PDB file of N, CA and C in Angstrom:
ATOM      1  N   GLU A   1       0.846  -1.197   0.000  1.00  0.00           N
ATOM      2  CA  GLU A   1       0.000   0.000   0.000  1.00  0.00           C
ATOM      3  C   GLU A   1       0.880   1.245   0.000  1.00  0.00           C
ATOM      4  N   VAL A   2       0.591   2.159  -0.923  1.00  0.00           N
ATOM      5  CA  VAL A   2       1.335   3.420  -0.992  1.00  0.00           C
ATOM      6  C   VAL A   2       0.919   4.317   0.165  1.00  0.00           C
ATOM      7  N   GLN A   3       1.900   4.804   0.909  1.00  0.00           N
ATOM      8  CA  GLN A   3       1.638   5.768   1.978  1.00  0.00           C
ATOM      9  C   GLN A   3       2.643   6.901   1.893  1.00  0.00           C
ATOM     10  N   LEU A   4       2.150   8.109   2.090  1.00  0.00           N
ATOM     11  CA  LEU A   4       2.980   9.304   2.112  1.00  0.00           C
ATOM     12  C   LEU A   4       2.607  10.102   3.357  1.00  0.00           C
ATOM     13  N   VAL A   5       3.608  10.434   4.156  1.00  0.00           N
ATOM     14  CA  VAL A   5       3.354  11.166   5.393  1.00  0.00           C
ATOM     15  C   VAL A   5       4.234  12.406   5.425  1.00  0.00           C
ATOM     16  N   GLU A   6       3.595  13.551   5.317  1.00  0.00           N
ATOM     17  CA  GLU A   6       4.318  14.823   5.354  1.00  0.00           C
ATOM     18  C   GLU A   6       4.484  15.291   6.799  1.00  0.00           C
ATOM     19  N   SER A   7       5.578  16.006   7.050  1.00  0.00           N
ATOM     20  CA  SER A   7       5.817  16.580   8.368  1.00  0.00           C
ATOM     21  C   SER A   7       6.742  17.775   8.237  1.00  0.00           C
ATOM     22  N   GLY A   8       6.880  18.516   9.327  1.00  0.00           N
ATOM     23  CA  GLY A   8       7.811  19.638   9.350  1.00  0.00           C
ATOM     24  C   GLY A   8       7.163  21.003   9.269  1.00  0.00           C
ATOM     25  N   GLY A   9       5.870  21.041   9.046  1.00  0.00           N
ATOM     26  CA  GLY A   9       5.200  22.333   8.974  1.00  0.00           C
ATOM     27  C   GLY A   9       5.168  23.015  10.336  1.00  0.00           C
ATOM     28  N   ASP A  10       5.082  24.338  10.303  1.00  0.00           N
ATOM     29  CA  ASP A  10       5.120  25.094  11.563  1.00  0.00           C
ATOM     30  C   ASP A  10       4.709  26.526  11.280  1.00  0.00           C
ATOM     31  N   LEU A  11       4.638  27.304  12.355  1.00  0.00           N
ATOM     32  CA  LEU A  11       4.449  28.748  12.252  1.00  0.00           C
ATOM     33  C   LEU A  11       5.838  29.385  12.232  1.00  0.00           C
ATOM     34  N   VAL A  12       6.092  30.206  11.225  1.00  0.00           N
ATOM     35  CA  VAL A  12       7.410  30.818  11.088  1.00  0.00           C
ATOM     36  C   VAL A  12       7.241  32.275  10.670  1.00  0.00           C
ATOM     37  N   GLN A  13       8.184  33.110  11.046  1.00  0.00           N
ATOM     38  CA  GLN A  13       8.130  34.522  10.671  1.00  0.00           C
ATOM     39  C   GLN A  13       8.582  34.715   9.228  1.00  0.00           C
ATOM     40  N   PRO A  14       8.132  35.776   8.593  1.00  0.00           N
ATOM     41  CA  PRO A  14       8.617  36.076   7.242  1.00  0.00           C
ATOM     42  C   PRO A  14      10.143  36.150   7.219  1.00  0.00           C
ATOM     43  N   GLY A  15      10.717  35.562   6.186  1.00  0.00           N
ATOM     44  CA  GLY A  15      12.164  35.488   6.075  1.00  0.00           C
ATOM     45  C   GLY A  15      12.760  34.238   6.693  1.00  0.00           C
ATOM     46  N   GLY A  16      11.951  33.495   7.403  1.00  0.00           N
ATOM     47  CA  GLY A  16      12.431  32.284   8.053  1.00  0.00           C
ATOM     48  C   GLY A  16      12.529  31.096   7.112  1.00  0.00           C
ATOM     49  N   SER A  17      12.936  29.970   7.683  1.00  0.00           N
ATOM     50  CA  SER A  17      13.131  28.742   6.904  1.00  0.00           C
ATOM     51  C   SER A  17      12.449  27.560   7.569  1.00  0.00           C
ATOM     52  N   LEU A  18      12.080  26.597   6.763  1.00  0.00           N
ATOM     53  CA  LEU A  18      11.551  25.321   7.234  1.00  0.00           C
ATOM     54  C   LEU A  18      12.010  24.228   6.289  1.00  0.00           C
ATOM     55  N   ARG A  19      12.104  23.019   6.802  1.00  0.00           N
ATOM     56  CA  ARG A  19      12.332  21.873   5.941  1.00  0.00           C
ATOM     57  C   ARG A  19      11.191  20.883   6.133  1.00  0.00           C
ATOM     58  N   LEU A  20      10.482  20.633   5.070  1.00  0.00           N
ATOM     59  CA  LEU A  20       9.412  19.650   5.098  1.00  0.00           C
ATOM     60  C   LEU A  20       9.953  18.278   4.689  1.00  0.00           C
ATOM     61  N   SER A  21       9.365  17.257   5.275  1.00  0.00           N
ATOM     62  CA  SER A  21       9.724  15.885   4.933  1.00  0.00           C
ATOM     63  C   SER A  21       8.495  15.131   4.457  1.00  0.00           C
ATOM     64  N   CYS A  22       8.728  14.139   3.618  1.00  0.00           N
ATOM     65  CA  CYS A  22       7.660  13.276   3.132  1.00  0.00           C
ATOM     66  C   CYS A  22       8.196  11.848   3.189  1.00  0.00           C
ATOM     67  N   ALA A  23       7.738  11.105   4.177  1.00  0.00           N
ATOM     68  CA  ALA A  23       8.170   9.718   4.325  1.00  0.00           C
ATOM     69  C   ALA A  23       7.297   8.820   3.466  1.00  0.00           C
ATOM     70  N   ALA A  24       7.936   8.066   2.581  1.00  0.00           N
ATOM     71  CA  ALA A  24       7.202   7.209   1.651  1.00  0.00           C
ATOM     72  C   ALA A  24       7.324   5.742   2.058  1.00  0.00           C
ATOM     73  N   SER A  25       6.269   5.002   1.864  1.00  0.00           N
ATOM     74  CA  SER A  25       6.306   3.560   2.083  1.00  0.00           C
ATOM     75  C   SER A  25       5.406   2.881   1.058  1.00  0.00           C
ATOM     76  N   GLY A  26       5.683   1.617   0.811  1.00  0.00           N
ATOM     77  CA  GLY A  26       4.900   0.867  -0.155  1.00  0.00           C
ATOM     78  C   GLY A  26       5.441   0.942  -1.564  1.00  0.00           C
ATOM     79  N   PHE A  27       6.490   1.704  -1.761  1.00  0.00           N
ATOM     80  CA  PHE A  27       7.135   1.808  -3.066  1.00  0.00           C
ATOM     81  C   PHE A  27       8.532   2.400  -2.849  1.00  0.00           C
ATOM     82  N   THR A  28       9.352   2.330  -3.892  1.00  0.00           N
ATOM     83  CA  THR A  28      10.716   2.864  -3.815  1.00  0.00           C
ATOM     84  C   THR A  28      10.736   4.263  -4.401  1.00  0.00           C
ATOM     85  N   LEU A  29      11.041   5.213  -3.551  1.00  0.00           N
ATOM     86  CA  LEU A  29      10.962   6.626  -3.931  1.00  0.00           C
ATOM     87  C   LEU A  29      11.851   6.964  -5.119  1.00  0.00           C
ATOM     88  N   SER A  30      13.011   6.380  -5.187  1.00  0.00           N
ATOM     89  CA  SER A  30      13.967   6.716  -6.237  1.00  0.00           C
ATOM     90  C   SER A  30      13.490   6.284  -7.619  1.00  0.00           C
ATOM     91  N   ASN A  31      12.490   5.408  -7.671  1.00  0.00           N
ATOM     92  CA  ASN A  31      12.017   4.886  -8.959  1.00  0.00           C
ATOM     93  C   ASN A  31      10.872   5.690  -9.565  1.00  0.00           C
ATOM     94  N   VAL A  32      10.441   6.729  -8.864  1.00  0.00           N
ATOM     95  CA  VAL A  32       9.265   7.455  -9.342  1.00  0.00           C
ATOM     96  C   VAL A  32       9.520   8.948  -9.368  1.00  0.00           C
ATOM     97  N   THR A  33       8.715   9.634 -10.145  1.00  0.00           N
ATOM     98  CA  THR A  33       8.728  11.091 -10.176  1.00  0.00           C
ATOM     99  C   THR A  33       7.786  11.615  -9.088  1.00  0.00           C
ATOM    100  N   MET A  34       8.263  12.569  -8.318  1.00  0.00           N
ATOM    101  CA  MET A  34       7.506  13.098  -7.186  1.00  0.00           C
ATOM    102  C   MET A  34       7.365  14.614  -7.301  1.00  0.00           C
ATOM    103  N   SER A  35       6.314  15.114  -6.719  1.00  0.00           N
ATOM    104  CA  SER A  35       6.076  16.557  -6.702  1.00  0.00           C
ATOM    105  C   SER A  35       5.696  17.025  -5.303  1.00  0.00           C
ATOM    106  N   TRP A  36       5.876  18.296  -5.087  1.00  0.00           N
ATOM    107  CA  TRP A  36       5.271  18.986  -3.950  1.00  0.00           C
ATOM    108  C   TRP A  36       4.196  19.912  -4.507  1.00  0.00           C
ATOM    109  N   VAL A  37       3.072  19.936  -3.832  1.00  0.00           N
ATOM    110  CA  VAL A  37       1.995  20.854  -4.171  1.00  0.00           C
ATOM    111  C   VAL A  37       1.516  21.483  -2.857  1.00  0.00           C
ATOM    112  N   ARG A  38       0.790  22.578  -2.981  1.00  0.00           N
ATOM    113  CA  ARG A  38       0.273  23.222  -1.774  1.00  0.00           C
ATOM    114  C   ARG A  38      -1.115  23.778  -2.036  1.00  0.00           C
ATOM    115  N   GLN A  39      -1.827  23.992  -0.953  1.00  0.00           N
ATOM    116  CA  GLN A  39      -3.159  24.565  -1.058  1.00  0.00           C
ATOM    117  C   GLN A  39      -3.315  25.641   0.009  1.00  0.00           C
ATOM    118  N   ALA A  40      -3.425  26.866  -0.447  1.00  0.00           N
ATOM    119  CA  ALA A  40      -3.644  27.999   0.445  1.00  0.00           C
ATOM    120  C   ALA A  40      -5.125  28.068   0.812  1.00  0.00           C
ATOM    121  N   PRO A  41      -5.436  28.735   1.915  1.00  0.00           N
ATOM    122  CA  PRO A  41      -6.836  28.830   2.336  1.00  0.00           C
ATOM    123  C   PRO A  41      -7.718  29.406   1.233  1.00  0.00           C
ATOM    124  N   GLY A  42      -8.789  28.706   0.914  1.00  0.00           N
ATOM    125  CA  GLY A  42      -9.739  29.189  -0.074  1.00  0.00           C
ATOM    126  C   GLY A  42      -9.286  29.088  -1.519  1.00  0.00           C
ATOM    127  N   LYS A  43      -8.147  28.420  -1.758  1.00  0.00           N
ATOM    128  CA  LYS A  43      -7.625  28.327  -3.123  1.00  0.00           C
ATOM    129  C   LYS A  43      -7.450  26.869  -3.531  1.00  0.00           C
ATOM    130  N   GLY A  44      -7.205  26.664  -4.808  1.00  0.00           N
ATOM    131  CA  GLY A  44      -6.991  25.323  -5.316  1.00  0.00           C
ATOM    132  C   GLY A  44      -5.559  24.867  -5.112  1.00  0.00           C
ATOM    133  N   LEU A  45      -5.271  23.642  -5.527  1.00  0.00           N
ATOM    134  CA  LEU A  45      -3.923  23.114  -5.427  1.00  0.00           C
ATOM    135  C   LEU A  45      -2.982  23.864  -6.354  1.00  0.00           C
ATOM    136  N   GLU A  46      -1.821  24.165  -5.853  1.00  0.00           N
ATOM    137  CA  GLU A  46      -0.787  24.844  -6.628  1.00  0.00           C
ATOM    138  C   GLU A  46       0.441  23.947  -6.707  1.00  0.00           C
ATOM    139  N   TRP A  47       0.882  23.651  -7.905  1.00  0.00           N
ATOM    140  CA  TRP A  47       2.107  22.873  -8.079  1.00  0.00           C
ATOM    141  C   TRP A  47       3.316  23.730  -7.693  1.00  0.00           C
ATOM    142  N   ILE A  48       4.275  23.111  -6.974  1.00  0.00           N
ATOM    143  CA  ILE A  48       5.464  23.840  -6.536  1.00  0.00           C
ATOM    144  C   ILE A  48       6.720  23.318  -7.221  1.00  0.00           C
ATOM    145  N   SER A  49       6.922  22.015  -7.184  1.00  0.00           N
ATOM    146  CA  SER A  49       8.158  21.474  -7.739  1.00  0.00           C
ATOM    147  C   SER A  49       7.998  19.993  -8.064  1.00  0.00           C
ATOM    148  N   THR A  50       8.867  19.526  -8.939  1.00  0.00           N
ATOM    149  CA  THR A  50       8.899  18.118  -9.346  1.00  0.00           C
ATOM    150  C   THR A  50      10.334  17.664  -9.480  1.00  0.00           C
ATOM    151  N   ILE A  51      10.597  16.458  -8.993  1.00  0.00           N
ATOM    152  CA  ILE A  51      11.896  15.821  -9.196  1.00  0.00           C
ATOM    153  C   ILE A  51      11.649  14.539  -9.959  1.00  0.00           C
ATOM    154  N   ASN A  52      12.400  14.332 -11.036  1.00  0.00           N
ATOM    155  CA  ASN A  52      12.116  13.162 -11.852  1.00  0.00           C
ATOM    156  C   ASN A  52      12.717  11.921 -11.210  1.00  0.00           C
ATOM    157  N   ARG A  53      12.357  10.765 -11.713  1.00  0.00           N
ATOM    158  CA  ARG A  53      12.671   9.530 -11.003  1.00  0.00           C
ATOM    159  C   ARG A  53      14.155   9.237 -10.942  1.00  0.00           C
ATOM    160  N   GLY A  54      14.904   9.749 -11.851  1.00  0.00           N
ATOM    161  CA  GLY A  54      16.344   9.542 -11.789  1.00  0.00           C
ATOM    162  C   GLY A  54      17.076  10.676 -11.104  1.00  0.00           C
ATOM    163  N   SER A  55      16.298  11.638 -10.598  1.00  0.00           N
ATOM    164  CA  SER A  55      16.862  12.844  -9.973  1.00  0.00           C
ATOM    165  C   SER A  55      17.782  13.601 -10.917  1.00  0.00           C
ATOM    166  N   ALA A  56      17.558  13.447 -12.205  1.00  0.00           N
ATOM    167  CA  ALA A  56      18.377  14.160 -13.177  1.00  0.00           C
ATOM    168  C   ALA A  56      18.012  15.630 -13.240  1.00  0.00           C
ATOM    169  N   PHE A  57      16.762  15.925 -12.917  1.00  0.00           N
ATOM    170  CA  PHE A  57      16.373  17.329 -12.917  1.00  0.00           C
ATOM    171  C   PHE A  57      15.275  17.572 -11.898  1.00  0.00           C
ATOM    172  N   THR A  58      15.227  18.801 -11.472  1.00  0.00           N
ATOM    173  CA  THR A  58      14.173  19.285 -10.578  1.00  0.00           C
ATOM    174  C   THR A  58      13.683  20.607 -11.135  1.00  0.00           C
ATOM    175  N   VAL A  59      12.385  20.766 -11.196  1.00  0.00           N
ATOM    176  CA  VAL A  59      11.811  22.009 -11.721  1.00  0.00           C
ATOM    177  C   VAL A  59      10.948  22.650 -10.648  1.00  0.00           C
ATOM    178  N   TYR A  60      10.832  23.973 -10.737  1.00  0.00           N
ATOM    179  CA  TYR A  60      10.128  24.746  -9.722  1.00  0.00           C
ATOM    180  C   TYR A  60       9.171  25.748 -10.351  1.00  0.00           C
ATOM    181  N   ALA A  61       8.124  26.039  -9.611  1.00  0.00           N
ATOM    182  CA  ALA A  61       7.224  27.117 -10.006  1.00  0.00           C
ATOM    183  C   ALA A  61       7.945  28.448  -9.836  1.00  0.00           C
ATOM    184  N   ASP A  62       7.558  29.416 -10.637  1.00  0.00           N
ATOM    185  CA  ASP A  62       8.182  30.741 -10.552  1.00  0.00           C
ATOM    186  C   ASP A  62       8.057  31.329  -9.149  1.00  0.00           C
ATOM    187  N   SER A  63       6.960  31.036  -8.479  1.00  0.00           N
ATOM    188  CA  SER A  63       6.690  31.626  -7.169  1.00  0.00           C
ATOM    189  C   SER A  63       7.678  31.175  -6.091  1.00  0.00           C
ATOM    190  N   VAL A  64       8.370  30.046  -6.316  1.00  0.00           N
ATOM    191  CA  VAL A  64       9.266  29.524  -5.280  1.00  0.00           C
ATOM    192  C   VAL A  64      10.702  29.340  -5.765  1.00  0.00           C
ATOM    193  N   ARG A  65      10.926  29.480  -7.055  1.00  0.00           N
ATOM    194  CA  ARG A  65      12.279  29.245  -7.590  1.00  0.00           C
ATOM    195  C   ARG A  65      13.276  30.175  -6.941  1.00  0.00           C
ATOM    196  N   GLY A  66      14.404  29.599  -6.528  1.00  0.00           N
ATOM    197  CA  GLY A  66      15.443  30.375  -5.864  1.00  0.00           C
ATOM    198  C   GLY A  66      15.289  30.415  -4.353  1.00  0.00           C
ATOM    199  N   ARG A  67      14.124  30.012  -3.856  1.00  0.00           N
ATOM    200  CA  ARG A  67      13.889  29.997  -2.410  1.00  0.00           C
ATOM    201  C   ARG A  67      13.678  28.581  -1.881  1.00  0.00           C
ATOM    202  N   PHE A  68      13.087  27.720  -2.684  1.00  0.00           N
ATOM    203  CA  PHE A  68      12.783  26.349  -2.272  1.00  0.00           C
ATOM    204  C   PHE A  68      13.703  25.373  -2.998  1.00  0.00           C
ATOM    205  N   THR A  69      14.072  24.306  -2.304  1.00  0.00           N
ATOM    206  CA  THR A  69      14.886  23.251  -2.905  1.00  0.00           C
ATOM    207  C   THR A  69      14.288  21.896  -2.566  1.00  0.00           C
ATOM    208  N   MET A  70      14.029  21.115  -3.602  1.00  0.00           N
ATOM    209  CA  MET A  70      13.471  19.783  -3.433  1.00  0.00           C
ATOM    210  C   MET A  70      14.579  18.755  -3.552  1.00  0.00           C
ATOM    211  N   SER A  71      14.558  17.753  -2.678  1.00  0.00           N
ATOM    212  CA  SER A  71      15.582  16.707  -2.741  1.00  0.00           C
ATOM    213  C   SER A  71      15.010  15.417  -2.172  1.00  0.00           C
ATOM    214  N   ARG A  72      15.774  14.357  -2.272  1.00  0.00           N
ATOM    215  CA  ARG A  72      15.341  13.111  -1.639  1.00  0.00           C
ATOM    216  C   ARG A  72      16.522  12.319  -1.134  1.00  0.00           C
ATOM    217  N   ASP A  73      16.267  11.544  -0.092  1.00  0.00           N
ATOM    218  CA  ASP A  73      17.245  10.640   0.492  1.00  0.00           C
ATOM    219  C   ASP A  73      16.757   9.232   0.179  1.00  0.00           C
ATOM    220  N   ASN A  74      17.387   8.604  -0.789  1.00  0.00           N
ATOM    221  CA  ASN A  74      16.923   7.290  -1.220  1.00  0.00           C
ATOM    222  C   ASN A  74      17.077   6.236  -0.126  1.00  0.00           C
ATOM    223  N   ALA A  75      18.113   6.372   0.680  1.00  0.00           N
ATOM    224  CA  ALA A  75      18.329   5.402   1.753  1.00  0.00           C
ATOM    225  C   ALA A  75      17.199   5.452   2.783  1.00  0.00           C
ATOM    226  N   LYS A  76      16.644   6.652   2.983  1.00  0.00           N
ATOM    227  CA  LYS A  76      15.556   6.814   3.955  1.00  0.00           C
ATOM    228  C   LYS A  76      14.185   6.775   3.289  1.00  0.00           C
ATOM    229  N   ASN A  77      14.189   6.686   1.965  1.00  0.00           N
ATOM    230  CA  ASN A  77      12.924   6.715   1.217  1.00  0.00           C
ATOM    231  C   ASN A  77      12.099   7.935   1.593  1.00  0.00           C
ATOM    232  N   THR A  78      12.762   9.066   1.670  1.00  0.00           N
ATOM    233  CA  THR A  78      12.140  10.304   2.134  1.00  0.00           C
ATOM    234  C   THR A  78      12.427  11.445   1.174  1.00  0.00           C
ATOM    235  N   LEU A  79      11.403  12.246   0.954  1.00  0.00           N
ATOM    236  CA  LEU A  79      11.479  13.421   0.105  1.00  0.00           C
ATOM    237  C   LEU A  79      11.539  14.655   1.002  1.00  0.00           C
ATOM    238  N   TYR A  80      12.233  15.693   0.542  1.00  0.00           N
ATOM    239  CA  TYR A  80      12.347  16.906   1.338  1.00  0.00           C
ATOM    240  C   TYR A  80      11.999  18.138   0.507  1.00  0.00           C
ATOM    241  N   LEU A  81      11.600  19.180   1.220  1.00  0.00           N
ATOM    242  CA  LEU A  81      11.440  20.493   0.611  1.00  0.00           C
ATOM    243  C   LEU A  81      12.040  21.507   1.573  1.00  0.00           C
ATOM    244  N   GLN A  82      13.197  22.035   1.209  1.00  0.00           N
ATOM    245  CA  GLN A  82      13.836  23.084   1.998  1.00  0.00           C
ATOM    246  C   GLN A  82      13.273  24.416   1.530  1.00  0.00           C
ATOM    247  N   MET A  83      12.707  25.161   2.461  1.00  0.00           N
ATOM    248  CA  MET A  83      12.055  26.421   2.133  1.00  0.00           C
ATOM    249  C   MET A  83      12.766  27.554   2.868  1.00  0.00           C
ATOM    250  N   ASN A  84      13.319  28.468   2.124  1.00  0.00           N
ATOM    251  CA  ASN A  84      14.027  29.613   2.691  1.00  0.00           C
ATOM    252  C   ASN A  84      13.323  30.901   2.321  1.00  0.00           C
ATOM    253  N   ASN A  85      13.638  31.963   3.058  1.00  0.00           N
ATOM    254  CA  ASN A  85      13.068  33.272   2.786  1.00  0.00           C
ATOM    255  C   ASN A  85      11.549  33.191   2.614  1.00  0.00           C
ATOM    256  N   LEU A  86      10.903  32.582   3.580  1.00  0.00           N
ATOM    257  CA  LEU A  86       9.462  32.369   3.483  1.00  0.00           C
ATOM    258  C   LEU A  86       8.693  33.676   3.531  1.00  0.00           C
ATOM    259  N   LYS A  87       7.588  33.688   2.790  1.00  0.00           N
ATOM    260  CA  LYS A  87       6.739  34.866   2.693  1.00  0.00           C
ATOM    261  C   LYS A  87       5.330  34.522   3.171  1.00  0.00           C
ATOM    262  N   PRO A  88       4.566  35.515   3.578  1.00  0.00           N
ATOM    263  CA  PRO A  88       3.194  35.231   4.015  1.00  0.00           C
ATOM    264  C   PRO A  88       2.379  34.486   2.957  1.00  0.00           C
ATOM    265  N   GLU A  89       2.645  34.739   1.701  1.00  0.00           N
ATOM    266  CA  GLU A  89       1.902  34.063   0.642  1.00  0.00           C
ATOM    267  C   GLU A  89       2.284  32.597   0.481  1.00  0.00           C
ATOM    268  N   ASP A  90       3.286  32.148   1.216  1.00  0.00           N
ATOM    269  CA  ASP A  90       3.630  30.717   1.227  1.00  0.00           C
ATOM    270  C   ASP A  90       2.763  29.933   2.213  1.00  0.00           C
ATOM    271  N   THR A  91       1.942  30.641   2.971  1.00  0.00           N
ATOM    272  CA  THR A  91       1.061  29.974   3.919  1.00  0.00           C
ATOM    273  C   THR A  91       0.110  29.034   3.190  1.00  0.00           C
ATOM    274  N   ALA A  92       0.146  27.766   3.572  1.00  0.00           N
ATOM    275  CA  ALA A  92      -0.653  26.751   2.879  1.00  0.00           C
ATOM    276  C   ALA A  92      -0.460  25.407   3.566  1.00  0.00           C
ATOM    277  N   VAL A  93      -1.266  24.448   3.174  1.00  0.00           N
ATOM    278  CA  VAL A  93      -1.022  23.047   3.504  1.00  0.00           C
ATOM    279  C   VAL A  93      -0.192  22.463   2.363  1.00  0.00           C
ATOM    280  N   TYR A  94       0.914  21.833   2.715  1.00  0.00           N
ATOM    281  CA  TYR A  94       1.840  21.301   1.727  1.00  0.00           C
ATOM    282  C   TYR A  94       1.714  19.782   1.655  1.00  0.00           C
ATOM    283  N   TYR A  95       1.673  19.287   0.431  1.00  0.00           N
ATOM    284  CA  TYR A  95       1.539  17.854   0.178  1.00  0.00           C
ATOM    285  C   TYR A  95       2.643  17.374  -0.747  1.00  0.00           C
ATOM    286  N   CYS A  96       3.126  16.169  -0.514  1.00  0.00           N
ATOM    287  CA  CYS A  96       3.947  15.500  -1.517  1.00  0.00           C
ATOM    288  C   CYS A  96       3.021  14.595  -2.322  1.00  0.00           C
ATOM    289  N   ARG A  97       3.357  14.425  -3.583  1.00  0.00           N
ATOM    290  CA  ARG A  97       2.481  13.670  -4.458  1.00  0.00           C
ATOM    291  C   ARG A  97       3.282  12.750  -5.364  1.00  0.00           C
ATOM    292  N   LYS A  98       2.826  11.519  -5.453  1.00  0.00           N
ATOM    293  CA  LYS A  98       3.404  10.536  -6.371  1.00  0.00           C
ATOM    294  C   LYS A  98       2.757  10.801  -7.731  1.00  0.00           C
ATOM    295  N   VAL A  99       3.536  11.260  -8.677  1.00  0.00           N
ATOM    296  CA  VAL A  99       2.984  11.817  -9.908  1.00  0.00           C
ATOM    297  C   VAL A  99       2.209  10.794 -10.732  1.00  0.00           C
ATOM    298  N   ASP A 100       2.697   9.568 -10.852  1.00  0.00           N
ATOM    299  CA  ASP A 100       2.053   8.611 -11.757  1.00  0.00           C
ATOM    300  C   ASP A 100       0.674   8.158 -11.272  1.00  0.00           C
ATOM    301  N   THR A 101       0.471   8.154  -9.956  1.00  0.00           N
ATOM    302  CA  THR A 101      -0.811   7.688  -9.437  1.00  0.00           C
ATOM    303  C   THR A 101      -1.631   8.789  -8.781  1.00  0.00           C
ATOM    304  N   GLY A 102      -1.000   9.912  -8.505  1.00  0.00           N
ATOM    305  CA  GLY A 102      -1.703  10.999  -7.850  1.00  0.00           C
ATOM    306  C   GLY A 102      -1.821  10.875  -6.345  1.00  0.00           C
ATOM    307  N   ASN A 103      -1.270   9.801  -5.779  1.00  0.00           N
ATOM    308  CA  ASN A 103      -1.348   9.645  -4.320  1.00  0.00           C
ATOM    309  C   ASN A 103      -0.661  10.815  -3.623  1.00  0.00           C
ATOM    310  N   ARG A 104      -1.267  11.257  -2.541  1.00  0.00           N
ATOM    311  CA  ARG A 104      -0.630  12.260  -1.698  1.00  0.00           C
ATOM    312  C   ARG A 104      -1.019  12.013  -0.250  1.00  0.00           C
ATOM    313  N   GLY A 105      -0.261  12.602   0.648  1.00  0.00           N
ATOM    314  CA  GLY A 105      -0.521  12.403   2.066  1.00  0.00           C
ATOM    315  C   GLY A 105      -1.574  13.354   2.573  1.00  0.00           C
ATOM    316  N   LYS A 106      -1.644  13.473   3.895  1.00  0.00           N
ATOM    317  CA  LYS A 106      -2.631  14.349   4.524  1.00  0.00           C
ATOM    318  C   LYS A 106      -2.144  15.791   4.608  1.00  0.00           C
ATOM    319  N   GLY A 107      -0.879  16.003   4.320  1.00  0.00           N
ATOM    320  CA  GLY A 107      -0.353  17.356   4.294  1.00  0.00           C
ATOM    321  C   GLY A 107       0.199  17.832   5.616  1.00  0.00           C
ATOM    322  N   THR A 108       0.951  18.930   5.542  1.00  0.00           N
ATOM    323  CA  THR A 108       1.497  19.569   6.733  1.00  0.00           C
ATOM    324  C   THR A 108       1.300  21.076   6.584  1.00  0.00           C
ATOM    325  N   GLN A 109       0.875  21.718   7.665  1.00  0.00           N
ATOM    326  CA  GLN A 109       0.520  23.134   7.611  1.00  0.00           C
ATOM    327  C   GLN A 109       1.752  24.020   7.792  1.00  0.00           C
ATOM    328  N   VAL A 110       1.915  24.950   6.880  1.00  0.00           N
ATOM    329  CA  VAL A 110       2.953  25.981   6.988  1.00  0.00           C
ATOM    330  C   VAL A 110       2.253  27.329   7.089  1.00  0.00           C
ATOM    331  N   THR A 111       2.570  28.049   8.133  1.00  0.00           N
ATOM    332  CA  THR A 111       2.002  29.385   8.326  1.00  0.00           C
ATOM    333  C   THR A 111       3.138  30.377   8.475  1.00  0.00           C
ATOM    334  N   VAL A 112       3.123  31.386   7.623  1.00  0.00           N
ATOM    335  CA  VAL A 112       4.163  32.417   7.648  1.00  0.00           C
ATOM    336  C   VAL A 112       3.514  33.720   8.088  1.00  0.00           C
ATOM    337  N   SER A 113       3.867  34.146   9.278  1.00  0.00           N
ATOM    338  CA  SER A 113       3.224  35.327   9.847  1.00  0.00           C
ATOM    339  C   SER A 113       4.102  35.910  10.935  1.00  0.00           C
ATOM    340  N   SER A 114       4.030  37.236  11.044  1.00  0.00           N
ATOM    341  CA  SER A 114       4.755  37.896  12.127  1.00  0.00           C
ATOM    342  C   SER A 114       3.850  38.071  13.342  1.00  0.00           C
TER     343      SER A 114
END
């Protein structure tokens, strides 16, 4: 059974940093393409970044490029999203998503506020 569990969300001040984690089970993370998406209050899902299955490339939305970095630890079967220079508009529930099947976890809340 595919399971994805996000963690690491918190309340942080503007300009701060967080690292989100996505623990995967039921499949081998390194063999699949994964994405991070987020949903702000009252809005639809927004794609943030994708890492392809061979980790040959990672792409980012314009809204986060240069501030967010997506990576994975194959030994831990875990995906990460390092978020720097956070802005209030980054406030959202963040999800990792297995691209081929659309599976995603329950999400982790990130709130950026002073």
